[in-house]
Amino acid sequence: MRLNRDRLVDAALDLVDVEGSEALSMRILAARVDRQVSSLYNHVSGRSELIELMRARIVAEIDVAAFARVGLVERSECWDQALESWARSYLRAFAAHPNLIRLLATTSIGDLSTYQMYDAVVAGLRRGGWSRSRTVAVMRTVEAHVLGSALDIIAPADLISQDSADERFSEIRAALDPLCADTSSATAAFELGLRALVDGLRLQLEAGAA
């Protein structure tokens, strides 16, 4: 099969998904696509560019459309609703590739599509009433919650369980009753945390305006 940049990114994503971010090297990737290492450089300049191409692939799955409607007279949307919509879309994108989180979170961003996404978020927050100096902090706070939740969601189902808790720890054992599963799951925790974050941010914005 003919190799091109898109197929190389597909292979890199698959490699990281299966073997983890530590396995990503040009040598291992070349073996995975049955090519010489030198042939990969016909498509990418190196590992750093490959990481940014994977970042772009993930960002393409994140929906920021709601921010474009913040502050409009017709079909207006509030900044907090847009933030929640973005967070859920962000979670879905990274929950599908959790091994990428550490790699992308510890690599300086050069991908233009990522800055385009951030620009849309910041612009929507600005129209929603946030000062320019606080928009990035608001964005990063929600982003951190999303990335942590993505790891939590793909954790083993028995990561924390009633059966593993000693009988001396009656409170946590009772709280981990299977009857409480719907409200104690990683997804439920994400939604609870997101609502708490957005409610808190809304109060801070109102206090600042007052």
N, C-alpha and C. Protein backbone atom coordinates (compact mmCIF):
# COMPACT_ATOMS: atom_id res chain seq x y z
N MET A 1 0.85 -1.20 0.00
CA MET A 1 0.00 0.00 0.00
C MET A 1 0.88 1.25 0.00
N ARG A 2 0.50 2.20 -0.84
CA ARG A 2 1.29 3.42 -0.96
C ARG A 2 1.21 4.24 0.34
N LEU A 3 2.36 4.68 0.80
CA LEU A 3 2.43 5.45 2.04
C LEU A 3 2.28 6.94 1.74
N ASN A 4 1.47 7.63 2.53
CA ASN A 4 1.38 9.08 2.45
C ASN A 4 1.30 9.63 3.87
N ARG A 5 1.19 10.93 3.99
CA ARG A 5 1.23 11.54 5.32
C ARG A 5 0.05 11.09 6.19
N ASP A 6 -1.14 11.04 5.61
CA ASP A 6 -2.32 10.64 6.39
C ASP A 6 -2.18 9.22 6.91
N ARG A 7 -1.69 8.32 6.08
CA ARG A 7 -1.53 6.94 6.51
C ARG A 7 -0.43 6.81 7.56
N LEU A 8 0.55 7.66 7.48
CA LEU A 8 1.61 7.65 8.48
C LEU A 8 1.07 8.12 9.83
N VAL A 9 0.22 9.14 9.80
CA VAL A 9 -0.40 9.61 11.04
C VAL A 9 -1.33 8.53 11.60
N ASP A 10 -2.08 7.85 10.73
CA ASP A 10 -2.93 6.74 11.17
C ASP A 10 -2.09 5.69 11.91
N ALA A 11 -0.96 5.35 11.33
CA ALA A 11 -0.10 4.33 11.91
C ALA A 11 0.49 4.79 13.24
N ALA A 12 0.85 6.06 13.32
CA ALA A 12 1.41 6.61 14.55
C ALA A 12 0.36 6.61 15.66
N LEU A 13 -0.86 6.99 15.32
CA LEU A 13 -1.94 6.97 16.32
C LEU A 13 -2.20 5.55 16.81
N ASP A 14 -2.21 4.61 15.89
CA ASP A 14 -2.43 3.22 16.27
C ASP A 14 -1.30 2.70 17.16
N LEU A 15 -0.09 3.10 16.84
CA LEU A 15 1.07 2.70 17.64
C LEU A 15 0.95 3.21 19.07
N VAL A 16 0.62 4.49 19.20
CA VAL A 16 0.49 5.08 20.54
C VAL A 16 -0.70 4.49 21.29
N ASP A 17 -1.81 4.27 20.59
CA ASP A 17 -2.99 3.68 21.22
C ASP A 17 -2.68 2.30 21.81
N VAL A 18 -1.90 1.52 21.07
CA VAL A 18 -1.65 0.13 21.47
C VAL A 18 -0.47 0.00 22.43
N GLU A 19 0.61 0.73 22.14
CA GLU A 19 1.85 0.52 22.90
C GLU A 19 2.24 1.68 23.81
N GLY A 20 1.53 2.79 23.73
CA GLY A 20 1.83 3.94 24.59
C GLY A 20 2.73 4.94 23.91
N SER A 21 2.76 6.15 24.45
CA SER A 21 3.51 7.23 23.82
C SER A 21 5.01 6.99 23.83
N GLU A 22 5.51 6.20 24.79
CA GLU A 22 6.95 5.94 24.87
C GLU A 22 7.44 5.14 23.66
N ALA A 23 6.52 4.43 23.02
CA ALA A 23 6.91 3.59 21.88
C ALA A 23 7.06 4.38 20.58
N LEU A 24 6.64 5.64 20.60
CA LEU A 24 6.66 6.41 19.36
C LEU A 24 8.08 6.84 18.99
N SER A 25 8.63 6.22 18.00
CA SER A 25 9.92 6.61 17.44
C SER A 25 9.85 6.37 15.94
N MET A 26 10.72 7.03 15.20
CA MET A 26 10.70 6.86 13.76
C MET A 26 11.09 5.43 13.38
N ARG A 27 11.98 4.83 14.17
CA ARG A 27 12.42 3.46 13.88
C ARG A 27 11.28 2.47 14.05
N ILE A 28 10.57 2.58 15.18
CA ILE A 28 9.47 1.64 15.44
C ILE A 28 8.33 1.88 14.46
N LEU A 29 8.07 3.15 14.15
CA LEU A 29 7.00 3.46 13.21
C LEU A 29 7.32 2.92 11.82
N ALA A 30 8.59 3.04 11.41
CA ALA A 30 9.00 2.52 10.10
C ALA A 30 8.76 1.02 10.01
N ALA A 31 9.08 0.31 11.08
CA ALA A 31 8.86 -1.14 11.09
C ALA A 31 7.37 -1.45 11.02
N ARG A 32 6.59 -0.61 11.64
CA ARG A 32 5.13 -0.84 11.67
C ARG A 32 4.50 -0.67 10.29
N VAL A 33 5.04 0.25 9.49
CA VAL A 33 4.50 0.47 8.14
C VAL A 33 5.32 -0.25 7.07
N ASP A 34 6.28 -1.06 7.53
CA ASP A 34 7.11 -1.86 6.63
C ASP A 34 7.87 -0.99 5.62
N ARG A 35 8.55 0.01 6.16
CA ARG A 35 9.36 0.91 5.33
C ARG A 35 10.71 1.13 6.01
N GLN A 36 11.67 1.62 5.25
CA GLN A 36 12.93 2.06 5.82
C GLN A 36 12.69 3.39 6.55
N VAL A 37 13.45 3.62 7.62
CA VAL A 37 13.29 4.87 8.37
C VAL A 37 13.45 6.08 7.45
N SER A 38 14.41 6.02 6.56
CA SER A 38 14.68 7.16 5.67
C SER A 38 13.48 7.53 4.82
N SER A 39 12.65 6.54 4.47
CA SER A 39 11.49 6.84 3.61
C SER A 39 10.42 7.65 4.33
N LEU A 40 10.39 7.58 5.66
CA LEU A 40 9.40 8.36 6.42
C LEU A 40 9.64 9.86 6.28
N TYR A 41 10.91 10.22 6.09
CA TYR A 41 11.25 11.64 5.99
C TYR A 41 10.82 12.26 4.65
N ASN A 42 10.26 11.46 3.77
CA ASN A 42 9.64 12.00 2.57
C ASN A 42 8.27 12.60 2.89
N HIS A 43 7.75 12.27 4.09
CA HIS A 43 6.40 12.69 4.46
C HIS A 43 6.37 13.62 5.67
N VAL A 44 7.30 13.43 6.60
CA VAL A 44 7.38 14.29 7.78
C VAL A 44 8.85 14.61 8.06
N SER A 45 9.08 15.73 8.72
CA SER A 45 10.46 16.14 9.00
C SER A 45 11.06 15.37 10.17
N GLY A 46 10.18 14.75 10.99
CA GLY A 46 10.68 14.00 12.13
C GLY A 46 9.60 13.76 13.16
N ARG A 47 9.99 13.27 14.31
CA ARG A 47 9.04 12.92 15.37
C ARG A 47 8.24 14.12 15.83
N SER A 48 8.87 15.29 15.93
CA SER A 48 8.17 16.48 16.41
C SER A 48 7.02 16.87 15.49
N GLU A 49 7.27 16.84 14.19
CA GLU A 49 6.19 17.16 13.26
C GLU A 49 5.09 16.10 13.31
N LEU A 50 5.48 14.87 13.49
CA LEU A 50 4.50 13.79 13.58
C LEU A 50 3.58 13.99 14.78
N ILE A 51 4.14 14.41 15.90
CA ILE A 51 3.33 14.67 17.10
C ILE A 51 2.33 15.78 16.81
N GLU A 52 2.77 16.83 16.13
CA GLU A 52 1.86 17.94 15.83
C GLU A 52 0.78 17.53 14.85
N LEU A 53 1.10 16.62 13.94
CA LEU A 53 0.08 16.12 13.02
C LEU A 53 -0.95 15.27 13.76
N MET A 54 -0.51 14.52 14.76
CA MET A 54 -1.46 13.76 15.58
C MET A 54 -2.32 14.71 16.41
N ARG A 55 -1.71 15.77 16.90
CA ARG A 55 -2.47 16.77 17.66
C ARG A 55 -3.57 17.36 16.77
N ALA A 56 -3.20 17.70 15.55
CA ALA A 56 -4.16 18.28 14.61
C ALA A 56 -5.30 17.31 14.32
N ARG A 57 -4.98 16.03 14.24
CA ARG A 57 -6.00 15.01 13.97
C ARG A 57 -7.02 14.98 15.11
N ILE A 58 -6.53 15.06 16.35
CA ILE A 58 -7.43 15.05 17.51
C ILE A 58 -8.26 16.33 17.56
N VAL A 59 -7.61 17.46 17.36
CA VAL A 59 -8.29 18.76 17.42
C VAL A 59 -9.42 18.84 16.39
N ALA A 60 -9.23 18.18 15.26
CA ALA A 60 -10.26 18.19 14.21
C ALA A 60 -11.57 17.56 14.70
N GLU A 61 -11.47 16.73 15.75
CA GLU A 61 -12.65 16.08 16.30
C GLU A 61 -13.34 16.90 17.38
N ILE A 62 -12.75 18.03 17.77
CA ILE A 62 -13.29 18.84 18.87
C ILE A 62 -14.13 19.98 18.30
N ASP A 63 -15.37 20.08 18.78
CA ASP A 63 -16.34 21.05 18.25
C ASP A 63 -16.29 22.36 19.03
N VAL A 64 -15.98 23.45 18.36
CA VAL A 64 -15.98 24.77 18.99
C VAL A 64 -17.06 25.67 18.42
N ALA A 65 -17.98 25.11 17.64
CA ALA A 65 -18.98 25.91 16.93
C ALA A 65 -19.82 26.76 17.88
N ALA A 66 -20.10 26.25 19.08
CA ALA A 66 -20.96 26.99 20.01
C ALA A 66 -20.37 28.34 20.39
N PHE A 67 -19.05 28.45 20.43
CA PHE A 67 -18.42 29.72 20.81
C PHE A 67 -18.69 30.82 19.78
N ALA A 68 -18.87 30.43 18.52
CA ALA A 68 -19.14 31.43 17.47
C ALA A 68 -20.50 32.08 17.67
N ARG A 69 -21.40 31.44 18.42
CA ARG A 69 -22.74 31.98 18.64
C ARG A 69 -22.87 32.79 19.91
N VAL A 70 -21.81 32.83 20.72
CA VAL A 70 -21.86 33.59 21.98
C VAL A 70 -21.94 35.08 21.68
N GLY A 71 -22.93 35.74 22.27
CA GLY A 71 -23.05 37.19 22.13
C GLY A 71 -23.79 37.66 20.90
N LEU A 72 -24.24 36.73 20.06
CA LEU A 72 -24.98 37.13 18.88
C LEU A 72 -26.42 37.45 19.26
N VAL A 73 -27.02 38.40 18.57
CA VAL A 73 -28.40 38.79 18.86
C VAL A 73 -29.35 37.65 18.53
N GLU A 74 -29.14 37.02 17.37
CA GLU A 74 -29.97 35.89 16.97
C GLU A 74 -29.22 34.59 17.27
N ARG A 75 -29.96 33.61 17.75
CA ARG A 75 -29.40 32.29 18.09
C ARG A 75 -28.22 32.43 19.07
N SER A 76 -28.35 33.39 19.98
CA SER A 76 -27.27 33.64 20.92
C SER A 76 -27.10 32.48 21.89
N GLU A 77 -25.88 32.23 22.27
CA GLU A 77 -25.57 31.18 23.22
C GLU A 77 -24.69 31.78 24.31
N CYS A 78 -24.89 31.32 25.55
CA CYS A 78 -24.10 31.85 26.66
C CYS A 78 -22.72 31.19 26.67
N TRP A 79 -21.73 31.92 27.17
CA TRP A 79 -20.36 31.41 27.21
C TRP A 79 -20.26 30.11 28.01
N ASP A 80 -21.08 30.00 29.08
CA ASP A 80 -20.99 28.80 29.92
C ASP A 80 -21.54 27.57 29.19
N GLN A 81 -22.59 27.76 28.40
CA GLN A 81 -23.12 26.65 27.61
C GLN A 81 -22.11 26.21 26.55
N ALA A 82 -21.46 27.20 25.94
CA ALA A 82 -20.44 26.88 24.92
C ALA A 82 -19.26 26.14 25.55
N LEU A 83 -18.89 26.55 26.76
CA LEU A 83 -17.77 25.92 27.45
C LEU A 83 -18.09 24.46 27.77
N GLU A 84 -19.31 24.20 28.22
CA GLU A 84 -19.71 22.82 28.51
C GLU A 84 -19.74 21.97 27.24
N SER A 85 -20.27 22.53 26.17
CA SER A 85 -20.32 21.81 24.90
C SER A 85 -18.91 21.46 24.41
N TRP A 86 -18.01 22.42 24.51
CA TRP A 86 -16.61 22.21 24.11
C TRP A 86 -15.95 21.14 24.96
N ALA A 87 -16.19 21.19 26.26
CA ALA A 87 -15.57 20.23 27.18
C ALA A 87 -16.02 18.80 26.87
N ARG A 88 -17.28 18.62 26.59
CA ARG A 88 -17.79 17.27 26.29
C ARG A 88 -17.22 16.75 24.97
N SER A 89 -17.12 17.64 23.99
CA SER A 89 -16.55 17.25 22.71
C SER A 89 -15.06 16.91 22.87
N TYR A 90 -14.37 17.70 23.64
CA TYR A 90 -12.95 17.50 23.94
C TYR A 90 -12.74 16.15 24.61
N LEU A 91 -13.62 15.84 25.57
CA LEU A 91 -13.51 14.57 26.30
C LEU A 91 -13.67 13.39 25.35
N ARG A 92 -14.66 13.45 24.47
CA ARG A 92 -14.88 12.35 23.53
C ARG A 92 -13.65 12.14 22.64
N ALA A 93 -13.05 13.23 22.19
CA ALA A 93 -11.89 13.12 21.30
C ALA A 93 -10.70 12.46 21.99
N PHE A 94 -10.42 12.83 23.22
CA PHE A 94 -9.26 12.29 23.92
C PHE A 94 -9.54 10.95 24.60
N ALA A 95 -10.79 10.68 24.94
CA ALA A 95 -11.11 9.38 25.52
C ALA A 95 -10.86 8.27 24.50
N ALA A 96 -10.91 8.62 23.22
CA ALA A 96 -10.63 7.64 22.17
C ALA A 96 -9.14 7.39 21.99
N HIS A 97 -8.30 8.30 22.48
CA HIS A 97 -6.84 8.16 22.35
C HIS A 97 -6.16 8.60 23.65
N PRO A 98 -6.45 7.96 24.77
CA PRO A 98 -5.93 8.42 26.06
C PRO A 98 -4.40 8.41 26.17
N ASN A 99 -3.75 7.51 25.43
CA ASN A 99 -2.29 7.45 25.51
C ASN A 99 -1.62 8.68 24.92
N LEU A 100 -2.39 9.45 24.18
CA LEU A 100 -1.84 10.68 23.60
C LEU A 100 -1.76 11.82 24.61
N ILE A 101 -2.52 11.71 25.69
CA ILE A 101 -2.64 12.83 26.62
C ILE A 101 -1.29 13.26 27.16
N ARG A 102 -0.52 12.33 27.70
CA ARG A 102 0.78 12.67 28.28
C ARG A 102 1.70 13.25 27.22
N LEU A 103 1.69 12.67 26.02
CA LEU A 103 2.56 13.12 24.94
C LEU A 103 2.23 14.55 24.52
N LEU A 104 0.96 14.82 24.30
CA LEU A 104 0.56 16.15 23.82
C LEU A 104 0.61 17.20 24.93
N ALA A 105 0.35 16.77 26.16
CA ALA A 105 0.34 17.72 27.28
C ALA A 105 1.74 18.14 27.70
N THR A 106 2.76 17.42 27.23
CA THR A 106 4.14 17.75 27.62
C THR A 106 4.98 18.18 26.43
N THR A 107 4.32 18.52 25.33
CA THR A 107 5.02 18.95 24.12
C THR A 107 4.53 20.34 23.72
N SER A 108 5.44 21.26 23.47
CA SER A 108 5.06 22.61 23.07
C SER A 108 4.20 22.57 21.81
N ILE A 109 3.14 23.37 21.80
CA ILE A 109 2.18 23.35 20.70
C ILE A 109 2.66 24.22 19.54
N GLY A 110 2.74 23.61 18.37
CA GLY A 110 3.07 24.35 17.16
C GLY A 110 1.97 24.26 16.13
N ASP A 111 1.05 23.33 16.31
CA ASP A 111 -0.03 23.09 15.35
C ASP A 111 -0.97 24.28 15.26
N LEU A 112 -1.18 24.80 14.06
CA LEU A 112 -2.01 25.99 13.87
C LEU A 112 -3.47 25.72 14.16
N SER A 113 -3.95 24.51 13.88
CA SER A 113 -5.36 24.23 14.13
C SER A 113 -5.68 24.24 15.62
N THR A 114 -4.70 23.90 16.45
CA THR A 114 -4.92 23.97 17.89
C THR A 114 -5.06 25.42 18.34
N TYR A 115 -4.22 26.30 17.80
CA TYR A 115 -4.35 27.72 18.13
C TYR A 115 -5.64 28.30 17.57
N GLN A 116 -6.08 27.79 16.45
CA GLN A 116 -7.37 28.22 15.89
C GLN A 116 -8.51 27.85 16.84
N MET A 117 -8.44 26.63 17.40
CA MET A 117 -9.44 26.21 18.38
C MET A 117 -9.40 27.12 19.61
N TYR A 118 -8.19 27.35 20.13
CA TYR A 118 -8.06 28.21 21.31
C TYR A 118 -8.56 29.62 21.03
N ASP A 119 -8.30 30.12 19.84
CA ASP A 119 -8.74 31.46 19.48
C ASP A 119 -10.26 31.55 19.52
N ALA A 120 -10.93 30.50 19.03
CA ALA A 120 -12.39 30.49 19.05
C ALA A 120 -12.92 30.46 20.48
N VAL A 121 -12.27 29.69 21.35
CA VAL A 121 -12.69 29.61 22.75
C VAL A 121 -12.51 30.97 23.43
N VAL A 122 -11.34 31.55 23.28
CA VAL A 122 -11.05 32.84 23.92
C VAL A 122 -11.97 33.93 23.39
N ALA A 123 -12.21 33.95 22.09
CA ALA A 123 -13.09 34.97 21.51
C ALA A 123 -14.49 34.85 22.08
N GLY A 124 -14.98 33.61 22.23
CA GLY A 124 -16.30 33.41 22.80
C GLY A 124 -16.36 33.84 24.26
N LEU A 125 -15.33 33.53 25.02
CA LEU A 125 -15.28 33.96 26.42
C LEU A 125 -15.23 35.48 26.53
N ARG A 126 -14.48 36.12 25.64
CA ARG A 126 -14.41 37.59 25.64
C ARG A 126 -15.79 38.19 25.38
N ARG A 127 -16.51 37.67 24.38
CA ARG A 127 -17.85 38.19 24.10
C ARG A 127 -18.82 37.87 25.22
N GLY A 128 -18.49 36.82 25.99
CA GLY A 128 -19.33 36.47 27.13
C GLY A 128 -19.08 37.32 28.36
N GLY A 129 -18.06 38.18 28.30
CA GLY A 129 -17.83 39.10 29.41
C GLY A 129 -16.53 38.91 30.17
N TRP A 130 -15.74 37.90 29.80
CA TRP A 130 -14.48 37.68 30.51
C TRP A 130 -13.41 38.65 30.03
N SER A 131 -12.57 39.09 30.96
CA SER A 131 -11.46 39.97 30.59
C SER A 131 -10.41 39.16 29.86
N ARG A 132 -9.68 39.82 28.98
CA ARG A 132 -8.67 39.11 28.19
C ARG A 132 -7.64 38.42 29.09
N SER A 133 -7.31 39.03 30.21
CA SER A 133 -6.26 38.49 31.08
C SER A 133 -6.66 37.19 31.77
N ARG A 134 -7.98 36.87 31.78
CA ARG A 134 -8.42 35.67 32.50
C ARG A 134 -8.90 34.56 31.57
N THR A 135 -9.02 34.84 30.29
CA THR A 135 -9.60 33.85 29.39
C THR A 135 -8.77 32.56 29.29
N VAL A 136 -7.46 32.70 29.24
CA VAL A 136 -6.61 31.51 29.10
C VAL A 136 -6.70 30.65 30.36
N ALA A 137 -6.76 31.28 31.51
CA ALA A 137 -6.89 30.52 32.77
C ALA A 137 -8.21 29.76 32.81
N VAL A 138 -9.28 30.40 32.37
CA VAL A 138 -10.58 29.73 32.32
C VAL A 138 -10.49 28.51 31.39
N MET A 139 -9.93 28.73 30.22
CA MET A 139 -9.80 27.66 29.24
C MET A 139 -8.95 26.51 29.77
N ARG A 140 -7.82 26.82 30.38
CA ARG A 140 -6.91 25.78 30.87
C ARG A 140 -7.50 25.02 32.05
N THR A 141 -8.30 25.69 32.87
CA THR A 141 -8.94 25.03 34.01
C THR A 141 -9.88 23.93 33.52
N VAL A 142 -10.68 24.26 32.53
CA VAL A 142 -11.61 23.27 31.98
C VAL A 142 -10.85 22.18 31.22
N GLU A 143 -9.82 22.58 30.50
CA GLU A 143 -9.01 21.63 29.74
C GLU A 143 -8.37 20.60 30.67
N ALA A 144 -7.86 21.04 31.81
CA ALA A 144 -7.23 20.13 32.76
C ALA A 144 -8.25 19.12 33.31
N HIS A 145 -9.46 19.59 33.57
CA HIS A 145 -10.51 18.69 34.04
C HIS A 145 -10.85 17.65 32.99
N VAL A 146 -10.91 18.08 31.74
CA VAL A 146 -11.23 17.17 30.64
C VAL A 146 -10.16 16.08 30.51
N LEU A 147 -8.89 16.46 30.51
CA LEU A 147 -7.81 15.50 30.30
C LEU A 147 -7.72 14.50 31.45
N GLY A 148 -7.89 14.98 32.66
CA GLY A 148 -7.91 14.07 33.81
C GLY A 148 -9.08 13.10 33.74
N SER A 149 -10.24 13.61 33.33
CA SER A 149 -11.43 12.78 33.22
C SER A 149 -11.29 11.74 32.12
N ALA A 150 -10.62 12.10 31.03
CA ALA A 150 -10.41 11.15 29.93
C ALA A 150 -9.62 9.94 30.43
N LEU A 151 -8.62 10.17 31.26
CA LEU A 151 -7.85 9.07 31.83
C LEU A 151 -8.70 8.25 32.80
N ASP A 152 -9.54 8.93 33.56
CA ASP A 152 -10.39 8.25 34.52
C ASP A 152 -11.40 7.35 33.81
N ILE A 153 -11.94 7.82 32.71
CA ILE A 153 -12.97 7.08 31.99
C ILE A 153 -12.45 5.77 31.40
N ILE A 154 -11.18 5.77 30.98
CA ILE A 154 -10.65 4.54 30.37
C ILE A 154 -9.94 3.65 31.39
N ALA A 155 -9.96 4.04 32.65
CA ALA A 155 -9.34 3.21 33.70
C ALA A 155 -10.12 1.90 33.84
N PRO A 156 -9.48 0.86 34.38
CA PRO A 156 -10.18 -0.42 34.57
C PRO A 156 -11.45 -0.26 35.40
N ALA A 157 -12.47 -1.03 35.07
CA ALA A 157 -13.76 -0.91 35.76
C ALA A 157 -13.63 -1.19 37.26
N ASP A 158 -12.64 -2.01 37.63
CA ASP A 158 -12.46 -2.35 39.04
C ASP A 158 -11.34 -1.54 39.70
N LEU A 159 -11.04 -0.38 39.11
CA LEU A 159 -9.99 0.48 39.69
C LEU A 159 -10.28 0.78 41.16
N ILE A 160 -11.52 1.11 41.45
CA ILE A 160 -11.95 1.32 42.83
C ILE A 160 -13.26 0.55 42.98
N SER A 161 -13.27 -0.42 43.89
CA SER A 161 -14.45 -1.28 44.00
C SER A 161 -14.75 -1.62 45.45
N GLN A 162 -16.00 -1.96 45.68
CA GLN A 162 -16.43 -2.34 47.02
C GLN A 162 -15.72 -3.60 47.50
N ASP A 163 -15.52 -4.54 46.61
CA ASP A 163 -14.89 -5.81 47.00
C ASP A 163 -13.45 -5.63 47.46
N SER A 164 -12.77 -4.60 46.94
CA SER A 164 -11.37 -4.40 47.29
C SER A 164 -11.19 -3.61 48.59
N ALA A 165 -12.24 -2.97 49.05
CA ALA A 165 -12.15 -2.16 50.27
C ALA A 165 -12.32 -3.04 51.50
N ASP A 166 -11.43 -2.88 52.47
CA ASP A 166 -11.51 -3.64 53.71
C ASP A 166 -12.81 -3.30 54.44
N GLU A 167 -13.36 -4.26 55.13
CA GLU A 167 -14.62 -4.05 55.85
C GLU A 167 -14.53 -2.98 56.93
N ARG A 168 -13.30 -2.66 57.36
CA ARG A 168 -13.13 -1.60 58.36
C ARG A 168 -13.51 -0.24 57.81
N PHE A 169 -13.47 -0.11 56.48
CA PHE A 169 -13.72 1.18 55.85
C PHE A 169 -15.18 1.23 55.40
N SER A 170 -16.05 1.33 56.37
CA SER A 170 -17.49 1.18 56.11
C SER A 170 -18.07 2.27 55.21
N GLU A 171 -17.57 3.48 55.34
CA GLU A 171 -18.15 4.58 54.57
C GLU A 171 -17.89 4.43 53.07
N ILE A 172 -16.63 4.15 52.72
CA ILE A 172 -16.32 4.02 51.30
C ILE A 172 -16.96 2.75 50.73
N ARG A 173 -17.04 1.68 51.55
CA ARG A 173 -17.69 0.46 51.07
C ARG A 173 -19.17 0.71 50.76
N ALA A 174 -19.83 1.45 51.63
CA ALA A 174 -21.24 1.76 51.41
C ALA A 174 -21.42 2.64 50.18
N ALA A 175 -20.52 3.60 50.00
CA ALA A 175 -20.61 4.51 48.86
C ALA A 175 -20.34 3.81 47.54
N LEU A 176 -19.59 2.70 47.61
CA LEU A 176 -19.26 1.95 46.40
C LEU A 176 -20.26 0.83 46.11
N ASP A 177 -21.39 0.86 46.79
CA ASP A 177 -22.44 -0.11 46.51
C ASP A 177 -22.81 -0.06 45.03
N PRO A 178 -22.92 -1.20 44.37
CA PRO A 178 -23.28 -1.21 42.94
C PRO A 178 -24.55 -0.43 42.63
N LEU A 179 -25.43 -0.28 43.61
CA LEU A 179 -26.66 0.50 43.39
C LEU A 179 -26.35 1.98 43.14
N CYS A 180 -25.15 2.41 43.54
CA CYS A 180 -24.75 3.81 43.34
C CYS A 180 -23.90 4.00 42.09
N ALA A 181 -23.78 2.95 41.28
CA ALA A 181 -22.85 2.97 40.15
C ALA A 181 -23.12 4.12 39.18
N ASP A 182 -24.39 4.42 38.93
CA ASP A 182 -24.72 5.46 37.96
C ASP A 182 -24.26 6.84 38.40
N THR A 183 -24.18 7.06 39.69
CA THR A 183 -23.79 8.38 40.19
C THR A 183 -22.34 8.43 40.68
N SER A 184 -21.64 7.29 40.63
CA SER A 184 -20.25 7.29 41.09
C SER A 184 -19.26 6.91 39.97
N SER A 185 -19.76 6.77 38.77
CA SER A 185 -18.91 6.40 37.64
C SER A 185 -18.00 7.55 37.23
N ALA A 186 -17.01 7.25 36.39
CA ALA A 186 -16.10 8.29 35.90
C ALA A 186 -16.86 9.32 35.07
N THR A 187 -17.84 8.88 34.30
CA THR A 187 -18.63 9.81 33.50
C THR A 187 -19.45 10.73 34.39
N ALA A 188 -20.05 10.17 35.43
CA ALA A 188 -20.82 10.98 36.38
C ALA A 188 -19.91 11.98 37.09
N ALA A 189 -18.69 11.54 37.42
CA ALA A 189 -17.73 12.43 38.07
C ALA A 189 -17.33 13.58 37.15
N PHE A 190 -17.15 13.27 35.86
CA PHE A 190 -16.83 14.32 34.89
C PHE A 190 -17.94 15.37 34.84
N GLU A 191 -19.19 14.92 34.75
CA GLU A 191 -20.31 15.85 34.66
C GLU A 191 -20.45 16.68 35.93
N LEU A 192 -20.27 16.03 37.08
CA LEU A 192 -20.34 16.75 38.36
C LEU A 192 -19.25 17.81 38.43
N GLY A 193 -18.03 17.42 38.08
CA GLY A 193 -16.91 18.36 38.11
C GLY A 193 -17.09 19.49 37.13
N LEU A 194 -17.60 19.19 35.93
CA LEU A 194 -17.81 20.23 34.93
C LEU A 194 -18.84 21.24 35.39
N ARG A 195 -19.94 20.74 35.95
CA ARG A 195 -20.96 21.67 36.46
C ARG A 195 -20.40 22.53 37.59
N ALA A 196 -19.63 21.90 38.48
CA ALA A 196 -19.05 22.66 39.60
C ALA A 196 -18.08 23.73 39.08
N LEU A 197 -17.26 23.37 38.10
CA LEU A 197 -16.32 24.34 37.52
C LEU A 197 -17.05 25.50 36.87
N VAL A 198 -18.02 25.19 36.04
CA VAL A 198 -18.74 26.24 35.32
C VAL A 198 -19.55 27.10 36.28
N ASP A 199 -20.19 26.49 37.27
CA ASP A 199 -20.93 27.27 38.27
C ASP A 199 -19.99 28.22 39.01
N GLY A 200 -18.82 27.70 39.38
CA GLY A 200 -17.85 28.54 40.08
C GLY A 200 -17.33 29.67 39.21
N LEU A 201 -17.07 29.38 37.95
CA LEU A 201 -16.60 30.41 37.02
C LEU A 201 -17.68 31.47 36.81
N ARG A 202 -18.93 31.04 36.73
CA ARG A 202 -20.03 31.99 36.55
C ARG A 202 -20.11 32.94 37.75
N LEU A 203 -19.94 32.39 38.94
CA LEU A 203 -19.97 33.23 40.14
C LEU A 203 -18.81 34.22 40.16
N GLN A 204 -17.63 33.75 39.73
CA GLN A 204 -16.47 34.66 39.68
C GLN A 204 -16.68 35.78 38.69
N LEU A 205 -17.25 35.46 37.54
CA LEU A 205 -17.50 36.50 36.54
C LEU A 205 -18.51 37.51 37.04
N GLU A 206 -19.57 37.00 37.68
CA GLU A 206 -20.60 37.91 38.23
C GLU A 206 -20.02 38.79 39.34
N ALA A 207 -19.15 38.20 40.17
CA ALA A 207 -18.54 38.98 41.25
C ALA A 207 -17.63 40.06 40.68
N GLY A 208 -16.90 39.74 39.63
CA GLY A 208 -16.03 40.71 38.98
C GLY A 208 -16.80 41.83 38.36
N ALA A 209 -17.94 41.50 37.74
CA ALA A 209 -18.77 42.52 37.11
C ALA A 209 -19.38 43.44 38.15
N ALA A 210 -19.72 42.85 39.32
CA ALA A 210 -20.32 43.68 40.39
C ALA A 210 -19.30 44.63 40.96
